[in-house]
N, C-alpha and C. Protein backbone atom coordinates (compact mmCIF):
# COMPACT_ATOMS: atom_id res chain seq x y z
N UNK A 1 -5.05 -42.10 4.35
CA UNK A 1 -6.12 -41.16 4.56
C UNK A 1 -5.75 -40.14 5.55
N UNK A 2 -4.99 -40.57 6.68
CA UNK A 2 -4.59 -39.62 7.68
C UNK A 2 -3.56 -38.60 7.05
N UNK A 3 -2.65 -39.15 6.16
CA UNK A 3 -1.77 -38.25 5.50
C UNK A 3 -2.46 -37.20 4.71
N UNK A 4 -3.52 -37.59 3.97
CA UNK A 4 -4.31 -36.67 3.15
C UNK A 4 -4.97 -35.58 4.09
N UNK A 5 -5.53 -36.02 5.21
CA UNK A 5 -6.14 -35.09 6.12
C UNK A 5 -5.15 -34.07 6.70
N UNK A 6 -3.96 -34.58 7.10
CA UNK A 6 -2.93 -33.70 7.60
C UNK A 6 -2.48 -32.69 6.52
N UNK A 7 -2.31 -33.17 5.25
CA UNK A 7 -1.90 -32.31 4.16
C UNK A 7 -2.95 -31.22 3.94
N UNK A 8 -4.25 -31.55 3.99
CA UNK A 8 -5.34 -30.65 3.78
C UNK A 8 -5.36 -29.60 4.95
N UNK A 9 -5.12 -30.06 6.11
CA UNK A 9 -5.19 -29.11 7.27
C UNK A 9 -3.91 -28.16 7.19
N UNK A 10 -2.85 -28.63 6.76
CA UNK A 10 -1.66 -27.83 6.61
C UNK A 10 -1.83 -26.74 5.58
N UNK A 11 -2.71 -26.95 4.59
CA UNK A 11 -2.89 -25.95 3.53
C UNK A 11 -3.86 -24.90 3.97
N UNK A 12 -4.60 -25.10 5.07
CA UNK A 12 -5.57 -24.07 5.48
C UNK A 12 -4.91 -22.74 5.82
N UNK A 13 -3.91 -22.65 6.65
CA UNK A 13 -3.33 -21.38 6.85
C UNK A 13 -2.86 -20.68 5.63
N UNK A 14 -2.29 -21.33 4.67
CA UNK A 14 -1.77 -20.77 3.44
C UNK A 14 -2.96 -20.20 2.64
N UNK A 15 -4.08 -20.90 2.56
CA UNK A 15 -5.25 -20.43 1.87
C UNK A 15 -5.81 -19.17 2.55
N UNK A 16 -5.84 -19.16 3.91
CA UNK A 16 -6.32 -18.00 4.64
C UNK A 16 -5.46 -16.84 4.43
N UNK A 17 -4.13 -16.99 4.40
CA UNK A 17 -3.21 -15.87 4.16
C UNK A 17 -3.36 -15.35 2.69
N UNK A 18 -3.66 -16.23 1.82
CA UNK A 18 -3.83 -15.77 0.43
C UNK A 18 -5.08 -14.96 0.29
N UNK A 19 -6.14 -15.31 1.04
CA UNK A 19 -7.36 -14.54 1.10
C UNK A 19 -7.13 -13.20 1.76
N UNK A 20 -6.37 -13.16 2.83
CA UNK A 20 -6.07 -11.93 3.47
C UNK A 20 -5.32 -11.01 2.61
N UNK A 21 -4.42 -11.55 1.84
CA UNK A 21 -3.56 -10.79 0.90
C UNK A 21 -4.41 -10.07 -0.14
N UNK A 22 -5.58 -10.69 -0.56
CA UNK A 22 -6.36 -10.18 -1.66
C UNK A 22 -7.47 -9.21 -1.06
N UNK A 23 -7.58 -9.11 0.27
CA UNK A 23 -8.60 -8.27 0.78
C UNK A 23 -8.17 -6.84 0.70
N UNK A 24 -9.10 -5.90 0.63
CA UNK A 24 -8.82 -4.44 0.56
C UNK A 24 -8.13 -4.01 1.81
N UNK A 25 -7.22 -2.95 1.57
CA UNK A 25 -6.32 -2.51 2.61
C UNK A 25 -6.65 -1.15 3.20
N UNK A 26 -7.67 -0.52 2.68
CA UNK A 26 -7.96 0.91 3.11
C UNK A 26 -9.42 1.18 2.75
N UNK A 27 -9.93 2.32 3.30
CA UNK A 27 -11.26 2.78 2.88
C UNK A 27 -11.13 4.00 1.94
N UNK A 28 -12.15 4.25 1.16
CA UNK A 28 -12.12 5.29 0.15
C UNK A 28 -11.92 6.63 0.79
N UNK A 29 -12.43 6.96 1.97
CA UNK A 29 -12.21 8.23 2.60
C UNK A 29 -10.72 8.45 2.89
N UNK A 30 -10.00 7.45 3.18
CA UNK A 30 -8.54 7.58 3.47
C UNK A 30 -7.86 8.05 2.21
N UNK A 31 -8.22 7.43 1.06
CA UNK A 31 -7.61 7.77 -0.21
C UNK A 31 -7.92 9.25 -0.56
N UNK A 32 -9.13 9.64 -0.32
CA UNK A 32 -9.55 11.01 -0.65
C UNK A 32 -8.72 12.00 0.19
N UNK A 33 -8.56 11.70 1.45
CA UNK A 33 -7.76 12.58 2.30
C UNK A 33 -6.28 12.47 1.84
N UNK A 34 -5.86 11.32 1.43
CA UNK A 34 -4.51 11.07 1.01
C UNK A 34 -4.16 11.93 -0.21
N UNK A 35 -5.09 12.17 -1.07
CA UNK A 35 -4.81 12.98 -2.22
C UNK A 35 -4.50 14.42 -1.77
N UNK A 36 -5.19 14.93 -0.83
CA UNK A 36 -4.93 16.26 -0.33
C UNK A 36 -3.50 16.30 0.30
N UNK A 37 -3.11 15.35 1.09
CA UNK A 37 -1.79 15.24 1.69
C UNK A 37 -0.68 15.19 0.59
N UNK A 38 -0.99 14.26 -0.34
CA UNK A 38 -0.04 14.05 -1.48
C UNK A 38 0.25 15.38 -2.22
N UNK A 39 -0.93 16.07 -2.60
CA UNK A 39 -0.79 17.27 -3.36
C UNK A 39 -0.01 18.36 -2.56
N UNK A 40 -0.12 18.34 -1.28
CA UNK A 40 0.52 19.34 -0.46
C UNK A 40 2.00 19.02 -0.15
N UNK A 41 2.27 17.70 0.02
CA UNK A 41 3.65 17.31 0.52
C UNK A 41 4.47 16.43 -0.43
N UNK A 42 3.83 15.82 -1.41
CA UNK A 42 4.58 14.83 -2.23
C UNK A 42 4.63 15.18 -3.78
N UNK A 43 3.61 15.91 -4.23
CA UNK A 43 3.51 16.19 -5.58
C UNK A 43 4.72 16.96 -6.16
N UNK A 44 5.28 17.74 -5.30
CA UNK A 44 6.39 18.69 -5.70
C UNK A 44 7.53 17.78 -6.27
N UNK A 45 7.72 16.63 -5.70
CA UNK A 45 8.78 15.71 -6.19
C UNK A 45 8.26 14.66 -7.18
N UNK A 46 7.19 14.02 -6.72
CA UNK A 46 6.65 12.88 -7.46
C UNK A 46 5.69 13.24 -8.60
N UNK A 47 5.30 14.52 -8.66
CA UNK A 47 4.38 14.94 -9.67
C UNK A 47 2.93 14.71 -9.26
N UNK A 48 2.02 15.62 -9.68
CA UNK A 48 0.63 15.51 -9.32
C UNK A 48 0.05 14.15 -9.86
N UNK A 49 0.65 13.70 -10.99
CA UNK A 49 0.13 12.47 -11.67
C UNK A 49 0.84 11.24 -11.13
N UNK A 50 1.72 11.36 -10.13
CA UNK A 50 2.51 10.32 -9.51
C UNK A 50 3.49 9.64 -10.54
N UNK A 51 3.77 10.38 -11.61
CA UNK A 51 4.66 9.85 -12.69
C UNK A 51 6.20 9.99 -12.34
N UNK A 52 6.48 10.65 -11.26
CA UNK A 52 7.82 10.81 -10.88
C UNK A 52 8.49 11.98 -11.55
N UNK A 53 9.59 12.44 -11.03
CA UNK A 53 10.30 13.62 -11.57
C UNK A 53 11.70 13.51 -11.12
N UNK A 54 12.68 13.75 -11.97
CA UNK A 54 14.07 13.71 -11.65
C UNK A 54 14.45 12.45 -10.88
N UNK A 55 14.88 12.61 -9.64
CA UNK A 55 15.22 11.45 -8.80
C UNK A 55 14.09 10.74 -8.12
N UNK A 56 12.93 11.45 -8.08
CA UNK A 56 11.74 10.85 -7.40
C UNK A 56 11.03 9.83 -8.29
N UNK A 57 10.90 8.65 -7.77
CA UNK A 57 10.37 7.53 -8.64
C UNK A 57 8.93 7.68 -8.89
N UNK A 58 8.47 7.00 -9.98
CA UNK A 58 7.07 6.87 -10.33
C UNK A 58 6.38 6.08 -9.26
N UNK A 59 5.16 6.46 -8.84
CA UNK A 59 4.46 5.81 -7.82
C UNK A 59 3.23 5.06 -8.28
N UNK A 60 3.18 4.84 -9.63
CA UNK A 60 2.11 4.02 -10.20
C UNK A 60 2.68 3.09 -11.23
N UNK A 61 1.85 2.21 -11.73
CA UNK A 61 2.20 1.37 -12.82
C UNK A 61 3.28 0.33 -12.54
N UNK A 62 4.06 -0.04 -13.51
CA UNK A 62 4.97 -1.14 -13.39
C UNK A 62 6.05 -0.88 -12.41
N UNK A 63 6.51 0.36 -12.27
CA UNK A 63 7.56 0.64 -11.31
C UNK A 63 7.08 0.34 -9.85
N UNK A 64 5.89 0.84 -9.57
CA UNK A 64 5.30 0.60 -8.23
C UNK A 64 4.98 -0.94 -8.04
N UNK A 65 4.41 -1.56 -8.98
CA UNK A 65 4.11 -3.01 -8.95
C UNK A 65 5.36 -3.82 -8.69
N UNK A 66 6.42 -3.50 -9.40
CA UNK A 66 7.63 -4.27 -9.26
C UNK A 66 8.37 -3.97 -7.91
N UNK A 67 8.19 -2.73 -7.42
CA UNK A 67 8.84 -2.38 -6.17
C UNK A 67 8.04 -2.82 -4.94
N UNK A 68 6.69 -2.74 -4.98
CA UNK A 68 5.92 -2.99 -3.78
C UNK A 68 4.89 -4.10 -3.90
N UNK A 69 4.64 -4.54 -5.11
CA UNK A 69 3.66 -5.68 -5.26
C UNK A 69 4.21 -6.91 -4.56
N UNK A 70 3.38 -7.56 -3.68
CA UNK A 70 3.71 -8.71 -2.92
C UNK A 70 4.36 -8.39 -1.52
N UNK A 71 4.58 -7.13 -1.26
CA UNK A 71 5.09 -6.69 0.03
C UNK A 71 3.94 -6.41 0.96
N UNK A 72 4.13 -6.52 2.29
CA UNK A 72 3.16 -6.18 3.27
C UNK A 72 2.95 -4.66 3.14
N UNK A 73 1.72 -4.19 3.27
CA UNK A 73 1.44 -2.81 3.31
C UNK A 73 2.13 -2.10 4.43
N UNK A 74 2.32 -2.78 5.48
CA UNK A 74 3.04 -2.19 6.67
C UNK A 74 4.48 -1.78 6.28
N UNK A 75 5.12 -2.53 5.41
CA UNK A 75 6.48 -2.20 4.91
C UNK A 75 6.44 -0.85 4.12
N UNK A 76 5.36 -0.75 3.30
CA UNK A 76 5.30 0.53 2.57
C UNK A 76 4.98 1.72 3.45
N UNK A 77 4.18 1.52 4.42
CA UNK A 77 3.86 2.61 5.40
C UNK A 77 5.14 2.99 6.11
N UNK A 78 5.90 1.97 6.60
CA UNK A 78 7.17 2.29 7.36
C UNK A 78 8.13 3.03 6.46
N UNK A 79 8.26 2.58 5.20
CA UNK A 79 9.17 3.20 4.29
C UNK A 79 8.79 4.68 4.04
N UNK A 80 7.55 4.91 3.77
CA UNK A 80 7.12 6.29 3.47
C UNK A 80 7.29 7.16 4.72
N UNK A 81 6.93 6.65 5.87
CA UNK A 81 6.98 7.44 7.11
C UNK A 81 8.43 7.67 7.40
N UNK A 82 9.34 6.75 7.17
CA UNK A 82 10.74 6.94 7.55
C UNK A 82 11.56 7.70 6.52
N UNK A 83 11.02 7.84 5.31
CA UNK A 83 11.84 8.51 4.25
C UNK A 83 11.19 9.70 3.58
N UNK A 84 9.96 10.03 3.81
CA UNK A 84 9.26 11.02 3.10
C UNK A 84 8.63 12.04 4.05
N UNK A 85 8.42 13.21 3.67
CA UNK A 85 8.97 13.88 2.47
C UNK A 85 10.49 13.89 2.46
N UNK A 86 11.11 13.83 1.34
CA UNK A 86 12.48 13.62 1.21
C UNK A 86 13.29 14.62 2.02
N UNK A 87 12.87 15.90 2.02
CA UNK A 87 13.57 16.92 2.70
C UNK A 87 13.25 17.04 4.22
N UNK A 88 12.20 16.26 4.67
CA UNK A 88 11.86 16.30 6.09
C UNK A 88 11.11 15.02 6.47
N UNK A 89 11.86 13.87 6.41
CA UNK A 89 11.22 12.60 6.71
C UNK A 89 10.60 12.56 8.13
N UNK A 90 9.47 11.90 8.20
CA UNK A 90 8.78 11.66 9.48
C UNK A 90 8.10 12.87 10.05
N UNK A 91 7.87 13.89 9.26
CA UNK A 91 7.31 15.13 9.83
C UNK A 91 5.85 15.18 9.71
N UNK A 92 5.22 14.30 8.91
CA UNK A 92 3.77 14.31 8.79
C UNK A 92 3.15 13.53 9.91
N UNK A 93 1.91 13.74 10.23
CA UNK A 93 1.27 12.93 11.20
C UNK A 93 1.13 11.41 10.75
N UNK A 94 0.95 10.52 11.73
CA UNK A 94 0.77 9.15 11.26
C UNK A 94 -0.37 8.94 10.50
N UNK A 95 -1.51 9.64 10.80
CA UNK A 95 -2.72 9.62 10.00
C UNK A 95 -2.44 10.06 8.59
N UNK A 96 -1.66 11.18 8.37
CA UNK A 96 -1.33 11.65 7.03
C UNK A 96 -0.60 10.57 6.26
N UNK A 97 0.33 9.90 6.88
CA UNK A 97 1.11 8.86 6.14
C UNK A 97 0.16 7.69 5.74
N UNK A 98 -0.75 7.35 6.62
CA UNK A 98 -1.78 6.30 6.21
C UNK A 98 -2.59 6.76 5.03
N UNK A 99 -3.06 7.97 5.09
CA UNK A 99 -3.83 8.53 3.97
C UNK A 99 -3.03 8.56 2.66
N UNK A 100 -1.79 8.93 2.74
CA UNK A 100 -1.00 9.06 1.49
C UNK A 100 -0.83 7.60 0.87
N UNK A 101 -0.55 6.62 1.75
CA UNK A 101 -0.38 5.20 1.28
C UNK A 101 -1.68 4.81 0.70
N UNK A 102 -2.83 5.06 1.33
CA UNK A 102 -4.09 4.65 0.75
C UNK A 102 -4.36 5.32 -0.58
N UNK A 103 -3.92 6.60 -0.74
CA UNK A 103 -4.15 7.24 -1.99
C UNK A 103 -3.24 6.59 -3.04
N UNK A 104 -2.00 6.22 -2.72
CA UNK A 104 -1.06 5.58 -3.67
C UNK A 104 -1.66 4.26 -4.08
N UNK A 105 -2.18 3.49 -3.10
CA UNK A 105 -2.76 2.17 -3.46
C UNK A 105 -3.94 2.37 -4.38
N UNK A 106 -4.79 3.33 -4.07
CA UNK A 106 -5.94 3.55 -4.92
C UNK A 106 -5.59 3.89 -6.31
N UNK A 107 -4.56 4.70 -6.52
CA UNK A 107 -4.01 5.08 -7.82
C UNK A 107 -3.42 3.89 -8.63
N UNK A 108 -3.12 2.81 -7.92
CA UNK A 108 -2.56 1.62 -8.53
C UNK A 108 -3.55 0.50 -8.66
N UNK A 109 -4.85 0.90 -8.58
CA UNK A 109 -5.95 -0.07 -8.79
C UNK A 109 -6.27 -1.00 -7.64
N UNK A 110 -5.69 -0.80 -6.51
CA UNK A 110 -6.05 -1.66 -5.31
C UNK A 110 -7.39 -1.12 -4.84
N UNK A 111 -8.36 -1.99 -4.78
CA UNK A 111 -9.68 -1.51 -4.43
C UNK A 111 -9.85 -1.21 -2.93
N UNK A 112 -10.65 -0.17 -2.63
CA UNK A 112 -11.01 0.15 -1.26
C UNK A 112 -11.98 -0.88 -0.67
N UNK A 113 -12.02 -0.87 0.64
CA UNK A 113 -12.82 -1.88 1.34
C UNK A 113 -13.60 -1.21 2.50
N UNK A 114 -13.85 -2.01 3.50
CA UNK A 114 -14.67 -1.52 4.66
C UNK A 114 -13.83 -1.28 5.92
N UNK A 115 -12.53 -1.71 5.91
CA UNK A 115 -11.72 -1.50 7.08
C UNK A 115 -10.61 -0.47 6.74
N UNK A 116 -10.42 0.51 7.62
CA UNK A 116 -9.38 1.48 7.39
C UNK A 116 -7.99 0.95 7.51
N UNK A 117 -7.09 1.54 6.74
CA UNK A 117 -5.68 1.16 6.80
C UNK A 117 -5.09 1.59 8.19
N UNK A 118 -4.33 0.69 8.77
CA UNK A 118 -3.73 0.97 10.02
C UNK A 118 -2.25 0.60 9.93
N UNK A 119 -1.39 1.25 10.80
CA UNK A 119 0.00 1.12 10.73
C UNK A 119 0.53 -0.29 10.68
N UNK A 120 -0.05 -1.19 11.56
CA UNK A 120 0.49 -2.55 11.66
C UNK A 120 -0.14 -3.51 10.71
N UNK A 121 -0.91 -3.08 9.75
CA UNK A 121 -1.60 -4.03 8.87
C UNK A 121 -0.66 -4.95 8.16
N UNK A 122 -1.01 -6.20 8.09
CA UNK A 122 -0.18 -7.21 7.46
C UNK A 122 -0.63 -7.63 6.09
N UNK A 123 -1.66 -6.95 5.61
CA UNK A 123 -2.12 -7.29 4.21
C UNK A 123 -1.05 -7.11 3.21
N UNK A 124 -1.14 -7.85 2.18
CA UNK A 124 -0.11 -7.84 1.10
C UNK A 124 -0.62 -7.00 -0.12
N UNK A 125 0.29 -6.18 -0.63
CA UNK A 125 -0.11 -5.33 -1.72
C UNK A 125 -0.24 -6.20 -2.98
N UNK A 126 -1.42 -6.23 -3.53
CA UNK A 126 -1.62 -6.98 -4.81
C UNK A 126 -2.07 -5.97 -5.80
N UNK A 127 -1.14 -5.57 -6.68
CA UNK A 127 -1.39 -4.63 -7.71
C UNK A 127 -2.03 -5.35 -8.91
N UNK A 128 -3.28 -4.89 -9.34
CA UNK A 128 -3.89 -5.63 -10.48
C UNK A 128 -3.06 -5.50 -11.76
N UNK A 129 -3.05 -6.56 -12.61
CA UNK A 129 -2.34 -6.52 -13.89
C UNK A 129 -3.04 -5.62 -14.81
N UNK A 130 -2.36 -4.92 -15.67
CA UNK A 130 -2.95 -4.00 -16.65
C UNK A 130 -3.63 -4.84 -17.70
């Protein structure tokens, strides 16, 4: 019985982290602002529809899900901030990068929630299946 109790208590952190992974990662207002930033700074390469163009990858659908699904959202934020826009990485404000990531998440079916996206968020990107 003690072994069963220990096993059950060991499973609690895993269950809690799974719930955290499924929780929303941004608020709708961030995604709305992110569309404006995306249109001004990202669409020239990735396309207004996020379908990608030339060397710029698609930011929706299977490509995004395979590239970023299961990763911490903080990893995506760091990648975007460190590498985009391609011709001038790191030149947007931190808030703009958060908004762009929120917009990309929204376009991939990740639902908005009540807590705004922040740089150090440890939530996991869970892209819904088509």
